[in-house]
């Protein structure tokens, strides 16, 4: 039985290729490519001569079955897309699942991805993030997804095509309001561009500058609105809860959550100012 190598390829600059990827491409029996015309540029750049077969989102089950049969027959195959990691908003997930259920050995050869590259230089919180891939092309479906994501507190990362960028930004503005975001365009390529601003400013920019190339959008997550109120009012509300039967700790915690402040701050003020 053969082996399927799931290979990450450069997202733009061909010099981002790894030594391990080059070794893998040279040793496999053939390469399954999203677009052979694209992959040949990488192979020519590093003087690799290897048989390629086409495998993309429109290939259908026949091509998957062919590649699977080759693997079951002992062949080694490198699975690549035009850029980034197969199966991550790119073709490959179907073949990977079938290979796993068939007992074929898989090995990942990791490479660059636009989402992590954009997130790392966005300037937004990256302790926790959610990658959504491409939003639906139809406006109604896209707006429904955006509403579902509206209260996610983690940073959100999307891919978007240039001809849908303005529509997507308008929908984000309408549903989420004016959040901070970063837009990465043509990452690692000659015309790479990173813009950091709020949604309204980004939208205004691209209304006057025709969007070109592939986009990665990094958007700040939902932030709980902070109610501004003085501490004496908070203590009055704490006393009201306590008189109603709630324990002190629970009352402090509830108000800390409500006003997005530290429980210890409420407690210390309460202790200093109680009669």
Protein backbone atom coordinates (compact mmCIF):
# COMPACT_ATOMS: atom_id res chain seq x y z
CA UNK A 1 0.00 0.00 0.00
CA UNK A 2 1.24 3.47 -0.86
CA UNK A 3 1.25 6.75 1.01
CA UNK A 4 -0.51 10.08 0.52
CA UNK A 5 1.57 13.16 1.31
CA UNK A 6 -0.57 16.21 2.07
CA UNK A 7 1.72 19.06 1.06
CA UNK A 8 1.57 22.77 1.78
CA UNK A 9 2.88 24.95 -1.06
CA UNK A 10 3.88 28.65 -1.13
CA UNK A 11 0.97 31.10 -1.07
CA UNK A 12 2.80 33.45 -3.42
CA UNK A 13 6.56 33.75 -3.13
CA UNK A 14 8.09 30.51 -4.41
CA UNK A 15 11.08 31.00 -2.08
CA UNK A 16 8.80 30.11 0.84
CA UNK A 17 9.06 26.47 -0.23
CA UNK A 18 10.49 24.06 2.37
CA UNK A 19 13.39 21.68 1.81
CA UNK A 20 11.15 18.83 2.97
CA UNK A 21 8.52 19.71 0.38
CA UNK A 22 11.09 19.64 -2.42
CA UNK A 23 12.36 16.25 -1.25
CA UNK A 24 8.81 14.92 -1.12
CA UNK A 25 7.89 16.17 -4.59
CA UNK A 26 11.02 14.55 -6.01
CA UNK A 27 10.46 11.14 -4.43
CA UNK A 28 6.72 10.51 -4.98
CA UNK A 29 5.39 8.61 -7.99
CA UNK A 30 3.14 11.46 -9.05
CA UNK A 31 1.55 14.72 -7.89
CA UNK A 32 -2.21 15.38 -7.62
CA UNK A 33 -2.62 19.10 -8.40
CA UNK A 34 -5.44 21.60 -8.17
CA UNK A 35 -4.15 23.12 -11.43
CA UNK A 36 -1.24 21.51 -13.27
CA UNK A 37 -0.53 24.81 -15.03
CA UNK A 38 0.08 26.41 -11.65
CA UNK A 39 2.07 23.57 -10.09
CA UNK A 40 4.41 23.31 -13.09
CA UNK A 41 5.75 26.78 -12.22
CA UNK A 42 6.88 25.48 -8.83
CA UNK A 43 8.35 22.31 -10.35
CA UNK A 44 10.20 24.24 -13.06
CA UNK A 45 11.56 26.71 -10.50
CA UNK A 46 13.26 23.86 -8.64
CA UNK A 47 13.99 21.65 -11.68
CA UNK A 48 11.65 18.83 -10.64
CA UNK A 49 10.31 16.53 -13.35
CA UNK A 50 7.32 14.59 -12.11
CA UNK A 51 4.05 13.26 -13.53
CA UNK A 52 1.05 15.37 -12.56
CA UNK A 53 -2.66 14.58 -12.52
CA UNK A 54 -5.44 17.11 -12.13
CA UNK A 55 -7.50 17.00 -8.93
CA UNK A 56 -9.75 19.93 -8.04
CA UNK A 57 -13.22 20.73 -6.69
CA UNK A 58 -14.88 19.84 -10.00
CA UNK A 59 -12.94 16.63 -10.65
CA UNK A 60 -15.73 14.40 -9.39
CA UNK A 61 -15.54 10.95 -7.78
CA UNK A 62 -13.91 9.30 -10.83
CA UNK A 63 -10.63 11.14 -10.36
CA UNK A 64 -10.66 10.49 -6.62
CA UNK A 65 -11.20 6.78 -7.29
CA UNK A 66 -8.32 6.74 -9.76
CA UNK A 67 -5.90 8.33 -7.28
CA UNK A 68 -7.16 6.06 -4.51
CA UNK A 69 -6.62 2.98 -6.69
CA UNK A 70 -3.05 4.08 -7.37
CA UNK A 71 -2.45 4.50 -3.65
CA UNK A 72 -3.94 1.10 -2.88
CA UNK A 73 -1.69 -0.32 -5.55
CA UNK A 74 1.41 0.90 -3.76
CA UNK A 75 2.03 4.28 -5.39
CA UNK A 76 3.10 7.35 -3.41
CA UNK A 77 1.21 10.57 -4.17
CA UNK A 78 1.79 14.21 -3.21
CA UNK A 79 -1.46 16.17 -2.89
CA UNK A 80 -1.01 19.91 -3.51
CA UNK A 81 -3.22 22.92 -4.22
CA UNK A 82 -2.33 26.15 -5.99
CA UNK A 83 -1.39 27.76 -2.67
CA UNK A 84 -1.40 26.79 0.98
CA UNK A 85 -2.63 23.60 2.63
CA UNK A 86 -4.94 21.13 0.85
CA UNK A 87 -8.34 20.77 2.49
CA UNK A 88 -8.22 24.22 4.13
CA UNK A 89 -10.67 26.21 1.94
CA UNK A 90 -9.02 24.32 -0.91
CA UNK A 91 -9.60 20.97 -2.64
CA UNK A 92 -8.38 17.81 -0.97
CA UNK A 93 -10.69 17.03 1.94
CA UNK A 94 -12.61 14.38 -0.01
CA UNK A 95 -9.53 12.47 -1.09
CA UNK A 96 -8.03 12.70 2.40
CA UNK A 97 -11.18 11.24 3.98
CA UNK A 98 -11.32 8.37 1.46
CA UNK A 99 -7.64 7.60 1.97
CA UNK A 100 -8.16 7.44 5.73
CA UNK A 101 -11.17 5.13 5.49
CA UNK A 102 -9.21 2.91 3.08
CA UNK A 103 -6.38 2.51 5.59
CA UNK A 104 -3.84 4.40 3.48
CA UNK A 105 -0.99 5.99 5.39
CA UNK A 106 -0.99 9.80 5.37
CA UNK A 107 1.85 12.19 6.07
CA UNK A 108 1.57 15.95 6.28
CA UNK A 109 4.25 18.22 4.86
CA UNK A 110 3.16 21.55 6.36
CA UNK A 111 3.59 24.84 4.59
CA UNK A 112 2.40 28.46 4.57
CA UNK A 113 -1.25 29.42 4.96
CA UNK A 114 -2.72 32.83 4.24
CA UNK A 115 -4.92 32.81 7.36
CA UNK A 116 -2.05 32.47 9.86
CA UNK A 117 0.15 34.85 7.87
CA UNK A 118 -2.57 37.52 7.89
CA UNK A 119 -3.48 36.95 11.53
CA UNK A 120 0.11 37.23 12.69
CA UNK A 121 0.55 40.73 11.24
CA UNK A 122 -3.01 42.01 11.74
CA UNK A 123 -2.33 43.62 15.10
CA UNK A 124 -5.56 42.09 16.42
CA UNK A 125 -5.92 39.63 19.29
CA UNK A 126 -4.62 36.20 18.24
CA UNK A 127 -4.91 34.31 21.53
CA UNK A 128 -8.06 32.72 20.17
CA UNK A 129 -9.44 32.99 16.65
CA UNK A 130 -12.04 31.41 14.39
CA UNK A 131 -11.29 30.66 10.74
CA UNK A 132 -14.46 30.72 8.64
CA UNK A 133 -12.98 30.38 5.15
CA UNK A 134 -15.09 31.85 2.34
CA UNK A 135 -18.46 33.33 3.22
CA UNK A 136 -21.43 32.30 1.03
CA UNK A 137 -21.64 34.12 -2.30
CA UNK A 138 -25.39 34.78 -1.99
CA UNK A 139 -26.23 37.83 0.09
CA UNK A 140 -29.01 36.27 2.16
CA UNK A 141 -26.90 33.26 3.12
CA UNK A 142 -23.86 35.46 3.80
CA UNK A 143 -25.85 37.75 6.09
CA UNK A 144 -27.26 34.76 7.96
CA UNK A 145 -23.73 33.45 8.64
CA UNK A 146 -22.57 36.90 9.75
CA UNK A 147 -25.48 37.16 12.17
CA UNK A 148 -24.59 33.73 13.59
CA UNK A 149 -21.00 34.93 14.13
CA UNK A 150 -22.07 38.28 15.54
CA UNK A 151 -21.47 37.45 19.23
CA UNK A 152 -18.26 35.42 18.78
CA UNK A 153 -15.64 37.13 20.95
CA UNK A 154 -12.62 35.62 19.20
CA UNK A 155 -10.98 37.28 16.23
CA UNK A 156 -12.58 36.14 12.96
CA UNK A 157 -10.62 35.26 9.81
CA UNK A 158 -12.10 34.98 6.30
CA UNK A 159 -10.99 34.54 2.72
CA UNK A 160 -12.72 36.63 0.07
CA UNK A 161 -12.64 37.04 -3.69
CA UNK A 162 -12.06 40.55 -5.07
CA UNK A 163 -15.43 40.80 -6.85
CA UNK A 164 -17.30 40.11 -3.57
CA UNK A 165 -15.17 42.21 -1.23
CA UNK A 166 -17.33 45.35 -1.19
CA UNK A 167 -20.55 43.39 -0.68
CA UNK A 168 -19.01 41.47 2.21
CA UNK A 169 -17.67 44.62 3.89
CA UNK A 170 -21.06 46.32 3.52
CA UNK A 171 -22.79 43.33 5.12
CA UNK A 172 -20.28 43.27 7.99
CA UNK A 173 -20.84 46.98 8.60
CA UNK A 174 -24.62 46.58 8.53
CA UNK A 175 -24.75 43.54 10.83
CA UNK A 176 -21.76 43.99 13.16
CA UNK A 177 -21.17 47.71 13.19
CA UNK A 178 -17.82 49.40 12.78
CA UNK A 179 -15.23 46.95 14.15
CA UNK A 180 -11.46 47.07 13.83
CA UNK A 181 -10.04 44.87 11.09
CA UNK A 182 -7.05 44.14 8.88
CA UNK A 183 -7.16 43.30 5.20
CA UNK A 184 -4.28 41.35 3.66
CA UNK A 185 -4.11 41.32 -0.12
CA UNK A 186 -1.79 39.23 -2.33
CA UNK A 187 0.27 37.98 0.63
CA UNK A 188 3.97 37.31 -0.11
CA UNK A 189 3.52 38.48 -3.72
CA UNK A 190 4.93 41.55 -5.46
CA UNK A 191 1.79 43.63 -4.82
CA UNK A 192 1.28 42.57 -1.20
CA UNK A 193 -0.82 45.07 0.74
CA UNK A 194 -1.86 45.15 4.40
CA UNK A 195 -4.42 47.71 5.58
CA UNK A 196 -5.37 48.10 9.25
CA UNK A 197 -8.37 50.29 10.10
CA UNK A 198 -12.06 49.98 10.92
CA UNK A 199 -14.57 48.37 8.56
CA UNK A 200 -15.97 51.73 7.42
CA UNK A 201 -12.52 53.06 6.46
CA UNK A 202 -11.56 49.85 4.65
CA UNK A 203 -14.86 49.89 2.77
CA UNK A 204 -14.38 53.52 1.74
CA UNK A 205 -10.83 52.79 0.51
CA UNK A 206 -11.87 49.92 -1.76
CA UNK A 207 -14.81 51.89 -3.13
CA UNK A 208 -12.18 54.14 -4.69
CA UNK A 209 -9.52 51.48 -5.38
CA UNK A 210 -10.73 48.48 -7.37
CA UNK A 211 -10.11 45.29 -5.34
CA UNK A 212 -7.58 43.02 -7.06
CA UNK A 213 -6.08 39.70 -6.05
CA UNK A 214 -7.02 37.33 -3.25
CA UNK A 215 -8.01 38.78 0.14
CA UNK A 216 -7.76 37.60 3.73
CA UNK A 217 -9.94 39.52 6.20
CA UNK A 218 -9.12 39.59 9.91
CA UNK A 219 -11.91 41.14 11.99
CA UNK A 220 -12.07 41.89 15.71
CA UNK A 221 -14.51 39.74 17.65
CA UNK A 222 -17.56 40.91 19.53
CA UNK A 223 -16.90 43.12 22.52
CA UNK A 224 -19.44 43.37 25.32
CA UNK A 225 -20.59 46.99 25.57
CA UNK A 226 -19.27 48.55 28.76
CA UNK A 227 -21.92 50.35 30.78
CA UNK A 228 -20.46 53.43 32.38
CA UNK A 229 -21.72 53.91 35.94
CA UNK A 230 -20.12 55.18 39.12
CA UNK A 231 -19.02 52.74 41.82
CA UNK A 232 -21.50 54.07 44.41
CA UNK A 233 -24.38 53.08 42.11
CA UNK A 234 -22.86 49.61 41.67
CA UNK A 235 -22.60 49.20 45.46
CA UNK A 236 -26.27 50.21 45.82
CA UNK A 237 -27.15 47.50 43.30
CA UNK A 238 -24.98 44.99 45.19
CA UNK A 239 -26.81 45.83 48.44
CA UNK A 240 -30.13 45.38 46.66
CA UNK A 241 -29.11 41.90 45.52
CA UNK A 242 -27.88 40.98 48.99
CA UNK A 243 -31.13 42.17 50.60
CA UNK A 244 -32.94 40.00 48.09
CA UNK A 245 -31.14 36.91 49.41
CA UNK A 246 -28.11 36.67 47.18
CA UNK A 247 -24.72 35.97 48.79
CA UNK A 248 -22.06 38.67 48.76
CA UNK A 249 -19.67 36.80 46.47
CA UNK A 250 -22.41 36.03 43.98
CA UNK A 251 -23.58 39.67 44.02
CA UNK A 252 -20.03 40.95 43.44
CA UNK A 253 -19.53 38.47 40.60
CA UNK A 254 -22.83 39.33 38.89
CA UNK A 255 -22.08 43.06 38.88
CA UNK A 256 -18.48 42.48 37.77
CA UNK A 257 -19.78 40.60 34.74
CA UNK A 258 -22.50 43.15 34.04
CA UNK A 259 -20.14 46.13 34.06
CA UNK A 260 -17.06 44.30 32.75
CA UNK A 261 -14.91 45.23 35.76
CA UNK A 262 -12.92 43.24 38.27
CA UNK A 263 -14.83 41.60 41.09
CA UNK A 264 -12.00 42.56 43.47
CA UNK A 265 -12.51 46.26 42.64
CA UNK A 266 -16.17 46.06 43.68
CA UNK A 267 -15.30 44.07 46.79
CA UNK A 268 -12.55 46.50 47.91
CA UNK A 269 -14.76 49.54 47.38
CA UNK A 270 -17.60 47.84 49.22
CA UNK A 271 -15.39 47.02 52.21
CA UNK A 272 -13.90 50.51 52.37
CA UNK A 273 -17.23 52.35 52.15
CA UNK A 274 -19.74 50.17 53.93
CA UNK A 275 -21.37 51.80 57.01
